[in-house]
Amino acid sequence: MNSDRIKKTLPPYVSYRTFRNFIDGLQSGIPSHIDRSYWGERLSGSNGTQLMTALRFLGLVDTEGTPMTRLLQLIPATGGHRAEILKQIAYSGYDFLVNRSFDPQSATYAHLEKAFYDSYDVTGDVARKCIKFFLEIASDAGVPLSPLIIKKSRTMRAASTKKRAVAIEDTRTKRNSSTIPAMQPIPLWNKWHELVLDKFPAFDPAWPDDVKLKWFEAFDLLLKIDIAPENGKDGKG
């Protein structure tokens, strides 16, 4: 059935968790064809397309989405049996694992990257995702990998996690700062002055002369207090 497989130009770059969860989900029933009508309710369009790329590359379905023998073996398998099947799938899918110029037990991370660049049509972020998927399936399958590769991948994963955490925190900070209005200075002096004016009685020409005199004196005093802040005073003296 190898003739039914597509040319290996793009290794799996879907999230390995998505791949593993999908395989586990097939335990409840295996469709005759795995196509959009089946996975459309479970996955987004991009994730579904990436998943199908992974299934075809690894020889688990043919070009029509028909489940292959290895997929039928993998679905019910558990423990060491599943690891052994995954190892067969990995060695069959990733050509460089059987290439004498690449030894996964002694290679560096850079050597692994070169193996992907040389073997498949991948670059940039897609290549990084392809390598990440490979490292995770290799871990589940028990494929022996160099400690140099494992150490580097852990360092990169930790850096990526930290970067995402910083980005999330920055986003939260910007969002919070945009929703909280800037504190405006409260014009206490003007507010006090307005309150006093509101309470100050309106001038009445019918008042006795002594009342009129007191009103003018009080009003004159209020005006002097009002202009005090502009003269650099605090209005208290």
Foldseek 3Di string as FASTA:
>chain_A
DVVQFDDFAAEQLAPLVVLVVVLQVCLVDDDQFDDCVNCVVPDPPVNSVSNVRNCRLLVQAGPRRGGDPLSVQLSVDDDLSNLQSLVVSLCVRQVVPPPPVDPQAADALVVVLVSPVVPHNDDDPSSVSNVVSSVVSCVSNVPRGHVNNVVVVVVVVVVVVVVVVVVVVVVVVVVVVVVDDDDDDDPVLVVVLVVVVVVQDDDDPPDPPVVNVVSVVVVVLSVVLSCQVVVVHPSPD
